[in-house]
Amino acid sequence: QVQLVESGGGLVRAGGSRRLSCAVSGRVYSRYAMAWFRQAPGKEREFVVSINWSGSSTVFGDSVKGRFTISGTPASTVSLQMNSLEPEDTAVYYCAATPQRPDLTKSNIGGYIYWGQGTQVTVSS
């Protein structure tokens, strides 16, 4: 049973930083592409970043470009470093993974099979 284990959520002040991590446990496949999405209250789930299995390719959503970075590889742990946080970044952040075409990055929700339980990030003004 594949599970995604997220950690790092919490409360942070505007302008501050926060680091989220996600690890795949119960591996069935050897390679995964992974992503982070987020969902604010009353809004649709939004793409944040995707990384392919080797870490050689990443793509960021427009709203976080230049502020968020991703490190690690899906083979171990993927970390999302969030800098210059704004109240608009407040959301539940979800880690997602797929063994399908792990060489590709994907920004669509339907491109992922496995999802974490989500971790709340709250940015206070």
C-alpha atoms as a PDB file:
ATOM      1  CA  GLN A   1       0.000   0.000   0.000  1.00  0.00           C
ATOM      2  CA  VAL A   2       1.574   3.246  -1.135  1.00  0.00           C
ATOM      3  CA  GLN A   3       1.294   6.122   1.309  1.00  0.00           C
ATOM      4  CA  LEU A   4       2.550   9.666   1.152  1.00  0.00           C
ATOM      5  CA  VAL A   5       3.747  11.062   4.448  1.00  0.00           C
ATOM      6  CA  GLU A   6       3.721  14.852   4.681  1.00  0.00           C
ATOM      7  CA  SER A   7       5.181  17.038   7.366  1.00  0.00           C
ATOM      8  CA  GLY A   8       6.041  20.657   8.069  1.00  0.00           C
ATOM      9  CA  GLY A   9       2.771  22.550   8.073  1.00  0.00           C
ATOM     10  CA  GLY A  10       1.961  25.209  10.628  1.00  0.00           C
ATOM     11  CA  LEU A  11       1.486  28.892  11.296  1.00  0.00           C
ATOM     12  CA  VAL A  12       3.878  31.461   9.853  1.00  0.00           C
ATOM     13  CA  ARG A  13       3.873  35.222   9.569  1.00  0.00           C
ATOM     14  CA  ALA A  14       3.667  36.995   6.238  1.00  0.00           C
ATOM     15  CA  GLY A  15       7.116  37.343   4.726  1.00  0.00           C
ATOM     16  CA  GLY A  16       8.339  34.270   6.539  1.00  0.00           C
ATOM     17  CA  SER A  17       9.335  30.823   5.335  1.00  0.00           C
ATOM     18  CA  ARG A  18       8.184  27.292   5.825  1.00  0.00           C
ATOM     19  CA  ARG A  19       9.443  23.916   4.646  1.00  0.00           C
ATOM     20  CA  LEU A  20       7.191  20.993   3.782  1.00  0.00           C
ATOM     21  CA  SER A  21       8.402  17.458   3.204  1.00  0.00           C
ATOM     22  CA  CYS A  22       6.852  14.426   1.573  1.00  0.00           C
ATOM     23  CA  ALA A  23       8.069  10.844   1.497  1.00  0.00           C
ATOM     24  CA  VAL A  24       6.671   7.768  -0.233  1.00  0.00           C
ATOM     25  CA  SER A  25       6.229   4.737   1.985  1.00  0.00           C
ATOM     26  CA  GLY A  26       5.130   1.234   1.089  1.00  0.00           C
ATOM     27  CA  ARG A  27       6.718   1.519  -2.329  1.00  0.00           C
ATOM     28  CA  VAL A  28       5.267  -0.665  -5.019  1.00  0.00           C
ATOM     29  CA  TYR A  29       7.007   1.002  -7.935  1.00  0.00           C
ATOM     30  CA  SER A  30      10.617   2.083  -8.174  1.00  0.00           C
ATOM     31  CA  ARG A  31      10.007   5.486  -9.720  1.00  0.00           C
ATOM     32  CA  TYR A  32       7.494   8.215  -9.127  1.00  0.00           C
ATOM     33  CA  ALA A  33       6.809  11.720 -10.320  1.00  0.00           C
ATOM     34  CA  MET A  34       5.621  13.881  -7.445  1.00  0.00           C
ATOM     35  CA  ALA A  35       3.858  17.181  -6.973  1.00  0.00           C
ATOM     36  CA  TRP A  36       2.439  19.577  -4.462  1.00  0.00           C
ATOM     37  CA  PHE A  37      -1.022  21.029  -4.764  1.00  0.00           C
ATOM     38  CA  ARG A  38      -2.878  23.299  -2.392  1.00  0.00           C
ATOM     39  CA  GLN A  39      -6.463  24.099  -1.618  1.00  0.00           C
ATOM     40  CA  ALA A  40      -7.707  27.188   0.141  1.00  0.00           C
ATOM     41  CA  PRO A  41     -11.167  27.326   1.722  1.00  0.00           C
ATOM     42  CA  GLY A  42     -13.846  27.715  -0.891  1.00  0.00           C
ATOM     43  CA  LYS A  43     -11.394  27.380  -3.778  1.00  0.00           C
ATOM     44  CA  GLU A  44     -10.397  24.658  -6.178  1.00  0.00           C
ATOM     45  CA  ARG A  45      -7.253  22.641  -5.672  1.00  0.00           C
ATOM     46  CA  GLU A  46      -4.351  24.504  -7.234  1.00  0.00           C
ATOM     47  CA  PHE A  47      -1.120  23.210  -8.732  1.00  0.00           C
ATOM     48  CA  VAL A  48       2.037  24.328  -6.915  1.00  0.00           C
ATOM     49  CA  VAL A  49       5.001  22.345  -8.262  1.00  0.00           C
ATOM     50  CA  SER A  50       5.879  19.063  -9.924  1.00  0.00           C
ATOM     51  CA  ILE A  51       9.148  17.138 -10.039  1.00  0.00           C
ATOM     52  CA  ASN A  52      10.051  14.090 -12.093  1.00  0.00           C
ATOM     53  CA  TRP A  53      11.548  10.923 -10.647  1.00  0.00           C
ATOM     54  CA  SER A  54      15.175  11.950 -11.081  1.00  0.00           C
ATOM     55  CA  GLY A  55      14.727  15.543 -10.011  1.00  0.00           C
ATOM     56  CA  SER A  56      16.019  16.702 -13.376  1.00  0.00           C
ATOM     57  CA  SER A  57      12.785  18.449 -14.332  1.00  0.00           C
ATOM     58  CA  THR A  58      10.559  20.721 -12.282  1.00  0.00           C
ATOM     59  CA  VAL A  59       7.710  23.046 -13.092  1.00  0.00           C
ATOM     60  CA  PHE A  60       6.100  25.628 -10.814  1.00  0.00           C
ATOM     61  CA  GLY A  61       2.696  27.194 -10.757  1.00  0.00           C
ATOM     62  CA  ASP A  62       2.627  30.880 -11.678  1.00  0.00           C
ATOM     63  CA  SER A  63       1.521  31.998  -8.236  1.00  0.00           C
ATOM     64  CA  VAL A  64       4.621  30.592  -6.511  1.00  0.00           C
ATOM     65  CA  LYS A  65       7.357  31.093  -9.092  1.00  0.00           C
ATOM     66  CA  GLY A  66      10.373  32.832  -7.644  1.00  0.00           C
ATOM     67  CA  ARG A  67       9.226  32.227  -4.059  1.00  0.00           C
ATOM     68  CA  PHE A  68       9.024  28.447  -3.719  1.00  0.00           C
ATOM     69  CA  THR A  69      11.712  25.901  -4.467  1.00  0.00           C
ATOM     70  CA  ILE A  70      11.746  22.113  -4.438  1.00  0.00           C
ATOM     71  CA  SER A  71      14.589  19.809  -3.522  1.00  0.00           C
ATOM     72  CA  GLY A  72      15.278  16.117  -3.151  1.00  0.00           C
ATOM     73  CA  THR A  73      13.953  13.397  -5.370  1.00  0.00           C
ATOM     74  CA  PRO A  74      10.897  11.147  -5.207  1.00  0.00           C
ATOM     75  CA  ALA A  75      13.288   8.260  -4.561  1.00  0.00           C
ATOM     76  CA  SER A  76      13.693   9.571  -1.022  1.00  0.00           C
ATOM     77  CA  THR A  77      12.084  12.728   0.302  1.00  0.00           C
ATOM     78  CA  VAL A  78      10.893  15.777  -1.577  1.00  0.00           C
ATOM     79  CA  SER A  79      10.938  19.100   0.237  1.00  0.00           C
ATOM     80  CA  LEU A  80       9.056  22.242  -0.660  1.00  0.00           C
ATOM     81  CA  GLN A  81      10.750  25.393   0.573  1.00  0.00           C
ATOM     82  CA  MET A  82       8.288  28.264   0.744  1.00  0.00           C
ATOM     83  CA  ASN A  83       9.728  31.754   1.067  1.00  0.00           C
ATOM     84  CA  SER A  84       8.190  35.222   1.141  1.00  0.00           C
ATOM     85  CA  LEU A  85       4.915  33.732   2.233  1.00  0.00           C
ATOM     86  CA  GLU A  86       1.747  35.744   1.810  1.00  0.00           C
ATOM     87  CA  PRO A  87      -1.673  35.365   3.441  1.00  0.00           C
ATOM     88  CA  GLU A  88      -2.875  34.183   0.022  1.00  0.00           C
ATOM     89  CA  ASP A  89      -0.647  31.123   0.434  1.00  0.00           C
ATOM     90  CA  THR A  90      -2.831  29.920   3.285  1.00  0.00           C
ATOM     91  CA  ALA A  91      -4.163  26.509   2.293  1.00  0.00           C
ATOM     92  CA  VAL A  92      -4.024  22.810   2.881  1.00  0.00           C
ATOM     93  CA  TYR A  93      -1.006  21.537   0.981  1.00  0.00           C
ATOM     94  CA  TYR A  94      -1.203  18.088  -0.557  1.00  0.00           C
ATOM     95  CA  CYS A  95       1.599  15.887  -1.783  1.00  0.00           C
ATOM     96  CA  ALA A  96       0.809  13.676  -4.777  1.00  0.00           C
ATOM     97  CA  ALA A  97       2.645  10.945  -6.656  1.00  0.00           C
ATOM     98  CA  THR A  98       2.273   8.741  -9.700  1.00  0.00           C
ATOM     99  CA  PRO A  99       4.297   5.863 -11.140  1.00  0.00           C
ATOM    100  CA  GLN A 100       2.906   6.605 -14.613  1.00  0.00           C
ATOM    101  CA  ARG A 101       5.492   8.268 -16.861  1.00  0.00           C
ATOM    102  CA  PRO A 102       7.660   9.275 -13.900  1.00  0.00           C
ATOM    103  CA  ASP A 103      10.051  10.982 -16.325  1.00  0.00           C
ATOM    104  CA  LEU A 104       7.459  13.715 -16.862  1.00  0.00           C
ATOM    105  CA  THR A 105       6.249  16.557 -14.694  1.00  0.00           C
ATOM    106  CA  LYS A 106       2.482  16.969 -14.547  1.00  0.00           C
ATOM    107  CA  SER A 107       0.390  19.913 -13.396  1.00  0.00           C
ATOM    108  CA  ASN A 108      -3.055  18.328 -13.593  1.00  0.00           C
ATOM    109  CA  ILE A 109      -4.772  16.738 -10.619  1.00  0.00           C
ATOM    110  CA  GLY A 110      -5.794  13.748 -12.715  1.00  0.00           C
ATOM    111  CA  GLY A 111      -2.162  12.979 -13.437  1.00  0.00           C
ATOM    112  CA  TYR A 112      -1.621  11.664  -9.904  1.00  0.00           C
ATOM    113  CA  ILE A 113      -2.786   8.460  -8.313  1.00  0.00           C
ATOM    114  CA  TYR A 114      -1.572   8.729  -4.748  1.00  0.00           C
ATOM    115  CA  TRP A 115      -2.314  11.603  -2.401  1.00  0.00           C
ATOM    116  CA  GLY A 116      -1.225  12.561   1.081  1.00  0.00           C
ATOM    117  CA  GLN A 117      -3.629  13.564   3.809  1.00  0.00           C
ATOM    118  CA  GLY A 118      -2.700  17.218   3.496  1.00  0.00           C
ATOM    119  CA  THR A 119      -0.960  19.606   5.843  1.00  0.00           C
ATOM    120  CA  GLN A 120      -2.282  23.015   6.826  1.00  0.00           C
ATOM    121  CA  VAL A 121      -0.190  26.108   6.212  1.00  0.00           C
ATOM    122  CA  THR A 122      -1.555  29.331   7.629  1.00  0.00           C
ATOM    123  CA  VAL A 123       0.090  32.655   6.873  1.00  0.00           C
ATOM    124  CA  SER A 124      -0.893  35.479   9.165  1.00  0.00           C
ATOM    125  CA  SER A 125      -0.781  39.107   8.067  1.00  0.00           C
END
